[in-house]
All heavy atoms as atom14 arrays in JSON, in Angstrom:
{
  "sequence": "TQESQLEQNKFIVRRAIEEGWNPANLAVIDELYAADFLFHQESGEA",
  "atom14_mask": [
    [1, 1, 1, 1, 1, 1, 1, 0, 0, 0, 0, 0, 0, 0],
    [1, 1, 1, 1, 1, 1, 1, 1, 1, 0, 0, 0, 0, 0],
    [1, 1, 1, 1, 1, 1, 1, 1, 1, 0, 0, 0, 0, 0],
    [1, 1, 1, 1, 1, 1, 0, 0, 0, 0, 0, 0, 0, 0],
    [1, 1, 1, 1, 1, 1, 1, 1, 1, 0, 0, 0, 0, 0],
    [1, 1, 1, 1, 1, 1, 1, 1, 0, 0, 0, 0, 0, 0],
    [1, 1, 1, 1, 1, 1, 1, 1, 1, 0, 0, 0, 0, 0],
    [1, 1, 1, 1, 1, 1, 1, 1, 1, 0, 0, 0, 0, 0],
    [1, 1, 1, 1, 1, 1, 1, 1, 0, 0, 0, 0, 0, 0],
    [1, 1, 1, 1, 1, 1, 1, 1, 1, 0, 0, 0, 0, 0],
    [1, 1, 1, 1, 1, 1, 1, 1, 1, 1, 1, 0, 0, 0],
    [1, 1, 1, 1, 1, 1, 1, 1, 0, 0, 0, 0, 0, 0],
    [1, 1, 1, 1, 1, 1, 1, 0, 0, 0, 0, 0, 0, 0],
    [1, 1, 1, 1, 1, 1, 1, 1, 1, 1, 1, 0, 0, 0],
    [1, 1, 1, 1, 1, 1, 1, 1, 1, 1, 1, 0, 0, 0],
    [1, 1, 1, 1, 1, 0, 0, 0, 0, 0, 0, 0, 0, 0],
    [1, 1, 1, 1, 1, 1, 1, 1, 0, 0, 0, 0, 0, 0],
    [1, 1, 1, 1, 1, 1, 1, 1, 1, 0, 0, 0, 0, 0],
    [1, 1, 1, 1, 1, 1, 1, 1, 1, 0, 0, 0, 0, 0],
    [1, 1, 1, 1, 0, 0, 0, 0, 0, 0, 0, 0, 0, 0],
    [1, 1, 1, 1, 1, 1, 1, 1, 1, 1, 1, 1, 1, 1],
    [1, 1, 1, 1, 1, 1, 1, 1, 0, 0, 0, 0, 0, 0],
    [1, 1, 1, 1, 1, 1, 1, 0, 0, 0, 0, 0, 0, 0],
    [1, 1, 1, 1, 1, 0, 0, 0, 0, 0, 0, 0, 0, 0],
    [1, 1, 1, 1, 1, 1, 1, 1, 0, 0, 0, 0, 0, 0],
    [1, 1, 1, 1, 1, 1, 1, 1, 0, 0, 0, 0, 0, 0],
    [1, 1, 1, 1, 1, 0, 0, 0, 0, 0, 0, 0, 0, 0],
    [1, 1, 1, 1, 1, 1, 1, 0, 0, 0, 0, 0, 0, 0],
    [1, 1, 1, 1, 1, 1, 1, 1, 0, 0, 0, 0, 0, 0],
    [1, 1, 1, 1, 1, 1, 1, 1, 0, 0, 0, 0, 0, 0],
    [1, 1, 1, 1, 1, 1, 1, 1, 1, 0, 0, 0, 0, 0],
    [1, 1, 1, 1, 1, 1, 1, 1, 0, 0, 0, 0, 0, 0],
    [1, 1, 1, 1, 1, 1, 1, 1, 1, 1, 1, 1, 0, 0],
    [1, 1, 1, 1, 1, 0, 0, 0, 0, 0, 0, 0, 0, 0],
    [1, 1, 1, 1, 1, 0, 0, 0, 0, 0, 0, 0, 0, 0],
    [1, 1, 1, 1, 1, 1, 1, 1, 0, 0, 0, 0, 0, 0],
    [1, 1, 1, 1, 1, 1, 1, 1, 1, 1, 1, 0, 0, 0],
    [1, 1, 1, 1, 1, 1, 1, 1, 0, 0, 0, 0, 0, 0],
    [1, 1, 1, 1, 1, 1, 1, 1, 1, 1, 1, 0, 0, 0],
    [1, 1, 1, 1, 1, 1, 1, 1, 1, 1, 0, 0, 0, 0],
    [1, 1, 1, 1, 1, 1, 1, 1, 1, 0, 0, 0, 0, 0],
    [1, 1, 1, 1, 1, 1, 1, 1, 1, 0, 0, 0, 0, 0],
    [1, 1, 1, 1, 1, 1, 0, 0, 0, 0, 0, 0, 0, 0],
    [1, 1, 1, 1, 0, 0, 0, 0, 0, 0, 0, 0, 0, 0],
    [1, 1, 1, 1, 1, 1, 1, 1, 1, 0, 0, 0, 0, 0],
    [1, 1, 1, 1, 1, 0, 0, 0, 0, 0, 0, 0, 0, 0]
  ],
  "atom14_positions": [
    [[19.26, -9.2, -1.59], [20.11, -8.03, -1.47], [19.28, -6.82, -1.08], [18.06, -6.8, -1.26], [20.84, -7.73, -2.79], [19.87, -7.32, -3.76], [21.63, -8.93, -3.29], [0.0, 0.0, 0.0], [0.0, 0.0, 0.0], [0.0, 0.0, 0.0], [0.0, 0.0, 0.0], [0.0, 0.0, 0.0], [0.0, 0.0, 0.0], [0.0, 0.0, 0.0]],
    [[19.94, -5.79, -0.59], [19.23, -4.57, -0.22], [18.56, -3.95, -1.45], [17.42, -3.49, -1.38], [20.17, -3.56, 0.41], [19.45, -2.29, 0.84], [20.37, -1.26, 1.48], [21.57, -1.44, 1.53], [19.8, -0.2, 1.98], [0.0, 0.0, 0.0], [0.0, 0.0, 0.0], [0.0, 0.0, 0.0], [0.0, 0.0, 0.0], [0.0, 0.0, 0.0]],
    [[19.24, -3.99, -2.58], [18.66, -3.43, -3.81], [17.4, -4.18, -4.23], [16.4, -3.56, -4.58], [19.68, -3.45, -4.94], [19.18, -2.78, -6.2], [20.24, -2.7, -7.28], [21.43, -2.57, -6.95], [19.84, -2.77, -8.46], [0.0, 0.0, 0.0], [0.0, 0.0, 0.0], [0.0, 0.0, 0.0], [0.0, 0.0, 0.0], [0.0, 0.0, 0.0]],
    [[17.44, -5.5, -4.17], [16.24, -6.26, -4.57], [15.1, -6.05, -3.57], [13.94, -6.03, -3.96], [16.56, -7.74, -4.76], [16.99, -8.33, -3.56], [0.0, 0.0, 0.0], [0.0, 0.0, 0.0], [0.0, 0.0, 0.0], [0.0, 0.0, 0.0], [0.0, 0.0, 0.0], [0.0, 0.0, 0.0], [0.0, 0.0, 0.0], [0.0, 0.0, 0.0]],
    [[15.43, -5.87, -2.29], [14.4, -5.58, -1.29], [13.75, -4.23, -1.55], [12.53, -4.09, -1.47], [14.98, -5.6, 0.13], [13.95, -5.33, 1.22], [12.88, -6.4, 1.29], [13.19, -7.58, 1.34], [11.63, -6.0, 1.26], [0.0, 0.0, 0.0], [0.0, 0.0, 0.0], [0.0, 0.0, 0.0], [0.0, 0.0, 0.0], [0.0, 0.0, 0.0]],
    [[14.56, -3.24, -1.93], [14.02, -1.92, -2.26], [13.11, -2.0, -3.48], [12.04, -1.38, -3.5], [15.16, -0.93, -2.5], [16.0, -0.55, -1.29], [17.17, 0.32, -1.71], [15.17, 0.13, -0.23], [0.0, 0.0, 0.0], [0.0, 0.0, 0.0], [0.0, 0.0, 0.0], [0.0, 0.0, 0.0], [0.0, 0.0, 0.0], [0.0, 0.0, 0.0]],
    [[13.51, -2.75, -4.49], [12.67, -2.91, -5.68], [11.36, -3.63, -5.35], [10.3, -3.28, -5.87], [13.43, -3.64, -6.79], [14.54, -2.82, -7.41], [14.07, -1.47, -7.93], [13.04, -1.42, -8.63], [14.73, -0.46, -7.62], [0.0, 0.0, 0.0], [0.0, 0.0, 0.0], [0.0, 0.0, 0.0], [0.0, 0.0, 0.0], [0.0, 0.0, 0.0]],
    [[11.44, -4.62, -4.47], [10.22, -5.33, -4.05], [9.29, -4.38, -3.29], [8.08, -4.39, -3.51], [10.56, -6.53, -3.18], [9.33, -7.32, -2.78], [9.68, -8.57, -1.98], [10.83, -8.95, -1.85], [8.67, -9.2, -1.44], [0.0, 0.0, 0.0], [0.0, 0.0, 0.0], [0.0, 0.0, 0.0], [0.0, 0.0, 0.0], [0.0, 0.0, 0.0]],
    [[9.85, -3.55, -2.43], [9.04, -2.57, -1.69], [8.36, -1.59, -2.64], [7.18, -1.27, -2.47], [9.91, -1.81, -0.69], [10.37, -2.68, 0.46], [9.87, -3.77, 0.68], [11.36, -2.2, 1.19], [0.0, 0.0, 0.0], [0.0, 0.0, 0.0], [0.0, 0.0, 0.0], [0.0, 0.0, 0.0], [0.0, 0.0, 0.0], [0.0, 0.0, 0.0]],
    [[9.07, -1.13, -3.66], [8.48, -0.22, -4.66], [7.35, -0.91, -5.41], [6.31, -0.31, -5.68], [9.55, 0.25, -5.65], [10.56, 1.2, -5.04], [11.58, 1.56, -6.1], [12.7, 2.41, -5.58], [13.67, 2.75, -6.64], [0.0, 0.0, 0.0], [0.0, 0.0, 0.0], [0.0, 0.0, 0.0], [0.0, 0.0, 0.0], [0.0, 0.0, 0.0]],
    [[7.55, -2.18, -5.75], [6.52, -2.94, -6.45], [5.25, -3.04, -5.61], [4.14, -2.86, -6.1], [7.05, -4.34, -6.78], [6.01, -5.26, -7.36], [5.65, -5.17, -8.7], [5.37, -6.2, -6.57], [4.68, -6.01, -9.23], [4.4, -7.04, -7.08], [4.05, -6.94, -8.42], [0.0, 0.0, 0.0], [0.0, 0.0, 0.0], [0.0, 0.0, 0.0]],
    [[5.42, -3.28, -4.31], [4.27, -3.39, -3.41], [3.51, -2.06, -3.33], [2.28, -2.04, -3.37], [4.71, -3.87, -2.01], [5.17, -5.33, -2.09], [3.59, -3.71, -0.98], [5.88, -5.83, -0.85], [0.0, 0.0, 0.0], [0.0, 0.0, 0.0], [0.0, 0.0, 0.0], [0.0, 0.0, 0.0], [0.0, 0.0, 0.0], [0.0, 0.0, 0.0]],
    [[4.24, -0.96, -3.24], [3.59, 0.36, -3.18], [2.84, 0.64, -4.48], [1.69, 1.07, -4.46], [4.63, 1.47, -2.9], [4.02, 2.85, -3.1], [5.18, 1.32, -1.49], [0.0, 0.0, 0.0], [0.0, 0.0, 0.0], [0.0, 0.0, 0.0], [0.0, 0.0, 0.0], [0.0, 0.0, 0.0], [0.0, 0.0, 0.0], [0.0, 0.0, 0.0]],
    [[3.47, 0.35, -5.62], [2.78, 0.55, -6.91], [1.51, -0.29, -6.97], [0.46, 0.18, -7.41], [3.7, 0.17, -8.06], [4.66, 1.24, -8.44], [5.36, 0.9, -9.76], [6.41, 1.86, -10.0], [7.68, 1.69, -9.62], [8.07, 0.58, -9.04], [8.57, 2.63, -9.87], [0.0, 0.0, 0.0], [0.0, 0.0, 0.0], [0.0, 0.0, 0.0]],
    [[1.61, -1.53, -6.56], [0.46, -2.43, -6.6], [-0.66, -1.93, -5.68], [-1.83, -1.97, -6.05], [0.88, -3.84, -6.21], [-0.21, -4.82, -6.37], [0.28, -6.25, -6.36], [-0.91, -7.07, -6.44], [-1.24, -7.97, -5.54], [-0.45, -8.24, -4.53], [-2.37, -8.64, -5.66], [0.0, 0.0, 0.0], [0.0, 0.0, 0.0], [0.0, 0.0, 0.0]],
    [[-0.29, -1.46, -4.51], [-1.29, -0.95, -3.57], [-2.07, 0.2, -4.18], [-3.31, 0.26, -4.05], [-0.61, -0.5, -2.28], [0.0, 0.0, 0.0], [0.0, 0.0, 0.0], [0.0, 0.0, 0.0], [0.0, 0.0, 0.0], [0.0, 0.0, 0.0], [0.0, 0.0, 0.0], [0.0, 0.0, 0.0], [0.0, 0.0, 0.0], [0.0, 0.0, 0.0]],
    [[-1.39, 1.09, -4.88], [-2.07, 2.24, -5.49], [-2.8, 1.83, -6.76], [-3.99, 2.11, -6.93], [-1.06, 3.37, -5.79], [-0.38, 3.86, -4.51], [-1.74, 4.52, -6.53], [-1.31, 4.38, -3.44], [0.0, 0.0, 0.0], [0.0, 0.0, 0.0], [0.0, 0.0, 0.0], [0.0, 0.0, 0.0], [0.0, 0.0, 0.0], [0.0, 0.0, 0.0]],
    [[-2.11, 1.16, -7.68], [-2.69, 0.86, -8.98], [-3.77, -0.21, -8.95], [-4.74, -0.14, -9.69], [-1.58, 0.47, -9.96], [-0.66, 1.65, -10.26], [0.61, 1.27, -11.0], [0.79, 0.08, -11.35], [1.42, 2.18, -11.25], [0.0, 0.0, 0.0], [0.0, 0.0, 0.0], [0.0, 0.0, 0.0], [0.0, 0.0, 0.0], [0.0, 0.0, 0.0]],
    [[-3.62, -1.2, -8.07], [-4.61, -2.28, -8.0], [-5.55, -2.16, -6.81], [-6.64, -2.72, -6.83], [-3.91, -3.64, -7.93], [-3.12, -4.0, -9.16], [-2.41, -5.34, -9.01], [-2.94, -6.24, -8.3], [-1.32, -5.49, -9.59], [0.0, 0.0, 0.0], [0.0, 0.0, 0.0], [0.0, 0.0, 0.0], [0.0, 0.0, 0.0], [0.0, 0.0, 0.0]],
    [[-5.12, -1.45, -5.78], [-5.93, -1.32, -4.57], [-6.7, -0.03, -4.51], [-7.92, -0.03, -4.4], [0.0, 0.0, 0.0], [0.0, 0.0, 0.0], [0.0, 0.0, 0.0], [0.0, 0.0, 0.0], [0.0, 0.0, 0.0], [0.0, 0.0, 0.0], [0.0, 0.0, 0.0], [0.0, 0.0, 0.0], [0.0, 0.0, 0.0], [0.0, 0.0, 0.0]],
    [[-6.0, 1.09, -4.58], [-6.66, 2.4, -4.43], [-7.49, 2.78, -5.63], [-8.61, 3.24, -5.48], [-5.6, 3.48, -4.21], [-5.04, 3.53, -2.84], [-4.51, 2.49, -2.14], [-4.94, 4.66, -2.01], [-4.07, 2.92, -0.93], [-4.32, 4.25, -0.82], [-5.29, 5.98, -2.17], [-4.06, 5.13, 0.22], [-5.03, 6.86, -1.14], [-4.43, 6.43, 0.05]],
    [[-6.92, 2.67, -6.83], [-7.63, 3.18, -8.01], [-8.99, 2.52, -8.2], [-9.96, 3.22, -8.41], [-6.75, 3.1, -9.26], [-5.79, 4.27, -9.32], [-6.1, 5.36, -8.9], [-4.61, 4.04, -9.85], [0.0, 0.0, 0.0], [0.0, 0.0, 0.0], [0.0, 0.0, 0.0], [0.0, 0.0, 0.0], [0.0, 0.0, 0.0], [0.0, 0.0, 0.0]],
    [[-9.08, 1.21, -8.13], [-10.42, 0.64, -8.24], [-11.08, 0.41, -6.88], [-12.17, -0.15, -6.82], [-10.17, -0.7, -8.93], [-8.8, -1.1, -8.46], [-8.05, 0.2, -8.29], [0.0, 0.0, 0.0], [0.0, 0.0, 0.0], [0.0, 0.0, 0.0], [0.0, 0.0, 0.0], [0.0, 0.0, 0.0], [0.0, 0.0, 0.0], [0.0, 0.0, 0.0]],
    [[-10.43, 0.84, -5.79], [-10.89, 0.53, -4.42], [-11.13, -0.96, -4.28], [-12.17, -1.41, -3.82], [-12.12, 1.34, -4.04], [0.0, 0.0, 0.0], [0.0, 0.0, 0.0], [0.0, 0.0, 0.0], [0.0, 0.0, 0.0], [0.0, 0.0, 0.0], [0.0, 0.0, 0.0], [0.0, 0.0, 0.0], [0.0, 0.0, 0.0], [0.0, 0.0, 0.0]],
    [[-10.13, -1.74, -4.69], [-10.19, -3.2, -4.62], [-9.84, -3.63, -3.2], [-8.67, -3.69, -2.82], [-9.22, -3.8, -5.63], [-9.3, -5.3, -5.69], [-9.75, -5.96, -4.76], [-8.84, -5.85, -6.8], [0.0, 0.0, 0.0], [0.0, 0.0, 0.0], [0.0, 0.0, 0.0], [0.0, 0.0, 0.0], [0.0, 0.0, 0.0], [0.0, 0.0, 0.0]],
    [[-10.86, -3.93, -2.42], [-10.65, -4.24, -1.0], [-9.89, -5.54, -0.8], [-9.2, -5.7, 0.21], [-12.0, -4.27, -0.28], [-12.81, -2.96, -0.35], [-14.07, -3.08, 0.49], [-11.99, -1.76, 0.07], [0.0, 0.0, 0.0], [0.0, 0.0, 0.0], [0.0, 0.0, 0.0], [0.0, 0.0, 0.0], [0.0, 0.0, 0.0], [0.0, 0.0, 0.0]],
    [[-9.95, -6.47, -1.74], [-9.19, -7.72, -1.63], [-7.69, -7.45, -1.68], [-6.92, -8.04, -0.92], [-9.6, -8.7, -2.73], [0.0, 0.0, 0.0], [0.0, 0.0, 0.0], [0.0, 0.0, 0.0], [0.0, 0.0, 0.0], [0.0, 0.0, 0.0], [0.0, 0.0, 0.0], [0.0, 0.0, 0.0], [0.0, 0.0, 0.0], [0.0, 0.0, 0.0]],
    [[-7.26, -6.54, -2.55], [-5.84, -6.18, -2.63], [-5.43, -5.44, -1.37], [-4.35, -5.68, -0.82], [-5.55, -5.34, -3.89], [-4.13, -4.78, -3.87], [-5.77, -6.19, -5.14], [0.0, 0.0, 0.0], [0.0, 0.0, 0.0], [0.0, 0.0, 0.0], [0.0, 0.0, 0.0], [0.0, 0.0, 0.0], [0.0, 0.0, 0.0], [0.0, 0.0, 0.0]],
    [[-6.29, -4.57, -0.88], [-5.99, -3.85, 0.36], [-5.86, -4.83, 1.52], [-4.94, -4.73, 2.33], [-7.05, -2.75, 0.6], [-6.86, -1.66, -0.46], [-6.95, -2.18, 2.0], [-7.94, -0.63, -0.52], [0.0, 0.0, 0.0], [0.0, 0.0, 0.0], [0.0, 0.0, 0.0], [0.0, 0.0, 0.0], [0.0, 0.0, 0.0], [0.0, 0.0, 0.0]],
    [[-6.75, -5.82, 1.6], [-6.63, -6.85, 2.63], [-5.3, -7.59, 2.53], [-4.69, -7.93, 3.54], [-7.76, -7.88, 2.5], [-9.05, -7.42, 3.14], [-9.0, -6.61, 4.08], [-10.11, -7.89, 2.7], [0.0, 0.0, 0.0], [0.0, 0.0, 0.0], [0.0, 0.0, 0.0], [0.0, 0.0, 0.0], [0.0, 0.0, 0.0], [0.0, 0.0, 0.0]],
    [[-4.87, -7.85, 1.31], [-3.63, -8.61, 1.09], [-2.38, -7.82, 1.47], [-1.44, -8.38, 2.03], [-3.56, -9.01, -0.39], [-2.32, -9.76, -0.77], [-2.22, -10.02, -2.25], [-3.25, -9.95, -2.97], [-1.09, -10.3, -2.71], [0.0, 0.0, 0.0], [0.0, 0.0, 0.0], [0.0, 0.0, 0.0], [0.0, 0.0, 0.0], [0.0, 0.0, 0.0]],
    [[-2.37, -6.52, 1.2], [-1.14, -5.75, 1.32], [-1.0, -4.93, 2.6], [0.11, -4.56, 2.97], [-1.0, -4.81, 0.12], [-0.87, -5.48, -1.25], [-0.78, -4.42, -2.34], [0.34, -6.39, -1.29], [0.0, 0.0, 0.0], [0.0, 0.0, 0.0], [0.0, 0.0, 0.0], [0.0, 0.0, 0.0], [0.0, 0.0, 0.0], [0.0, 0.0, 0.0]],
    [[-2.1, -4.62, 3.26], [-2.04, -3.73, 4.42], [-2.17, -4.52, 5.72], [-2.89, -5.5, 5.8], [-3.17, -2.69, 4.35], [-2.96, -1.65, 3.28], [-3.19, -1.93, 1.95], [-2.52, -0.38, 3.62], [-3.0, -0.97, 0.96], [-2.32, 0.6, 2.64], [-2.56, 0.28, 1.32], [-2.37, 1.23, 0.35], [0.0, 0.0, 0.0], [0.0, 0.0, 0.0]],
    [[-1.51, -4.03, 6.75], [-1.57, -4.65, 8.08], [-2.88, -4.26, 8.77], [-3.47, -3.22, 8.48], [-0.39, -4.18, 8.93], [0.0, 0.0, 0.0], [0.0, 0.0, 0.0], [0.0, 0.0, 0.0], [0.0, 0.0, 0.0], [0.0, 0.0, 0.0], [0.0, 0.0, 0.0], [0.0, 0.0, 0.0], [0.0, 0.0, 0.0], [0.0, 0.0, 0.0]],
    [[-3.32, -5.1, 9.69], [-4.58, -4.87, 10.41], [-4.54, -3.55, 11.19], [-5.56, -2.88, 11.35], [-4.87, -6.02, 11.35], [0.0, 0.0, 0.0], [0.0, 0.0, 0.0], [0.0, 0.0, 0.0], [0.0, 0.0, 0.0], [0.0, 0.0, 0.0], [0.0, 0.0, 0.0], [0.0, 0.0, 0.0], [0.0, 0.0, 0.0], [0.0, 0.0, 0.0]],
    [[-3.35, -3.14, 11.66], [-3.23, -1.91, 12.44], [-2.72, -0.73, 11.6], [-2.16, 0.23, 12.11], [-2.35, -2.13, 13.66], [-0.93, -2.55, 13.29], [-0.66, -2.86, 12.11], [-0.08, -2.59, 14.2], [0.0, 0.0, 0.0], [0.0, 0.0, 0.0], [0.0, 0.0, 0.0], [0.0, 0.0, 0.0], [0.0, 0.0, 0.0], [0.0, 0.0, 0.0]],
    [[-2.96, -0.81, 10.29], [-2.56, 0.25, 9.35], [-3.07, 1.6, 9.82], [-4.18, 1.74, 10.31], [-3.13, -0.1, 7.97], [-2.95, 0.96, 6.93], [-1.7, 1.26, 6.42], [-4.04, 1.65, 6.44], [-1.54, 2.24, 5.44], [-3.89, 2.62, 5.46], [-2.64, 2.92, 4.97], [0.0, 0.0, 0.0], [0.0, 0.0, 0.0], [0.0, 0.0, 0.0]],
    [[-2.25, 2.62, 9.67], [-2.61, 3.99, 10.04], [-2.43, 4.88, 8.82], [-1.33, 4.98, 8.27], [-1.73, 4.48, 11.19], [-1.92, 5.92, 11.65], [-3.33, 6.15, 12.17], [-0.9, 6.26, 12.72], [0.0, 0.0, 0.0], [0.0, 0.0, 0.0], [0.0, 0.0, 0.0], [0.0, 0.0, 0.0], [0.0, 0.0, 0.0], [0.0, 0.0, 0.0]],
    [[-3.51, 5.5, 8.37], [-3.48, 6.37, 7.2], [-3.64, 7.81, 7.63], [-4.61, 8.18, 8.28], [-4.62, 5.98, 6.24], [-4.76, 6.88, 5.05], [-3.76, 6.96, 4.09], [-5.88, 7.66, 4.89], [-3.89, 7.79, 2.99], [-6.02, 8.5, 3.78], [-5.02, 8.57, 2.84], [0.0, 0.0, 0.0], [0.0, 0.0, 0.0], [0.0, 0.0, 0.0]],
    [[-2.65, 8.64, 7.27], [-2.69, 10.06, 7.6], [-3.26, 10.81, 6.4], [-2.68, 10.8, 5.32], [-1.29, 10.58, 7.92], [-0.69, 9.95, 9.12], [-0.95, 10.4, 10.39], [0.12, 8.89, 9.26], [-0.3, 9.65, 11.26], [0.35, 8.73, 10.6], [0.0, 0.0, 0.0], [0.0, 0.0, 0.0], [0.0, 0.0, 0.0], [0.0, 0.0, 0.0]],
    [[-4.39, 11.46, 6.6], [-5.03, 12.23, 5.55], [-4.39, 13.61, 5.43], [-3.75, 14.09, 6.37], [-6.51, 12.39, 5.86], [-7.25, 11.07, 5.95], [-8.7, 11.31, 6.25], [-9.4, 11.94, 5.47], [-9.16, 10.81, 7.38], [0.0, 0.0, 0.0], [0.0, 0.0, 0.0], [0.0, 0.0, 0.0], [0.0, 0.0, 0.0], [0.0, 0.0, 0.0]],
    [[-4.6, 14.24, 4.28], [-4.07, 15.59, 4.06], [-4.63, 16.58, 5.08], [-3.99, 17.56, 5.43], [-4.4, 16.08, 2.65], [-3.69, 15.32, 1.56], [-4.44, 14.06, 1.14], [-5.54, 13.77, 1.66], [-3.89, 13.33, 0.3], [0.0, 0.0, 0.0], [0.0, 0.0, 0.0], [0.0, 0.0, 0.0], [0.0, 0.0, 0.0], [0.0, 0.0, 0.0]],
    [[-5.82, 16.32, 5.58], [-6.45, 17.21, 6.56], [-5.77, 17.15, 7.92], [-6.05, 17.97, 8.78], [-7.92, 16.82, 6.73], [-8.02, 15.53, 7.34], [0.0, 0.0, 0.0], [0.0, 0.0, 0.0], [0.0, 0.0, 0.0], [0.0, 0.0, 0.0], [0.0, 0.0, 0.0], [0.0, 0.0, 0.0], [0.0, 0.0, 0.0], [0.0, 0.0, 0.0]],
    [[-4.9, 16.18, 8.11], [-4.25, 16.0, 9.4], [-4.91, 14.93, 10.25], [-4.35, 14.49, 11.24], [0.0, 0.0, 0.0], [0.0, 0.0, 0.0], [0.0, 0.0, 0.0], [0.0, 0.0, 0.0], [0.0, 0.0, 0.0], [0.0, 0.0, 0.0], [0.0, 0.0, 0.0], [0.0, 0.0, 0.0], [0.0, 0.0, 0.0], [0.0, 0.0, 0.0]],
    [[-6.11, 14.53, 9.85], [-6.79, 13.46, 10.58], [-6.21, 12.11, 10.18], [-5.63, 11.96, 9.11], [-8.29, 13.5, 10.29], [-8.96, 14.77, 10.79], [-10.44, 14.77, 10.5], [-11.07, 13.71, 10.61], [-10.96, 15.84, 10.16], [0.0, 0.0, 0.0], [0.0, 0.0, 0.0], [0.0, 0.0, 0.0], [0.0, 0.0, 0.0], [0.0, 0.0, 0.0]],
    [[-6.4, 11.12, 11.04], [-5.88, 9.79, 10.77], [-7.02, 8.78, 10.73], [-8.0, 8.91, 11.46], [-4.88, 9.38, 11.85], [0.0, 0.0, 0.0], [0.0, 0.0, 0.0], [0.0, 0.0, 0.0], [0.0, 0.0, 0.0], [0.0, 0.0, 0.0], [0.0, 0.0, 0.0], [0.0, 0.0, 0.0], [0.0, 0.0, 0.0], [0.0, 0.0, 0.0]]
  ]
}
């Protein structure tokens, strides 16, 4: 359902931050992010 897809998407975002970013766990980042990922920094740089 759309609701369960939204909950799954939220879970993935939480996991990316809590398990990937906070400890800089590159294995989790490899698992969750696409090869052509684009990160926009606060400075405006990408």
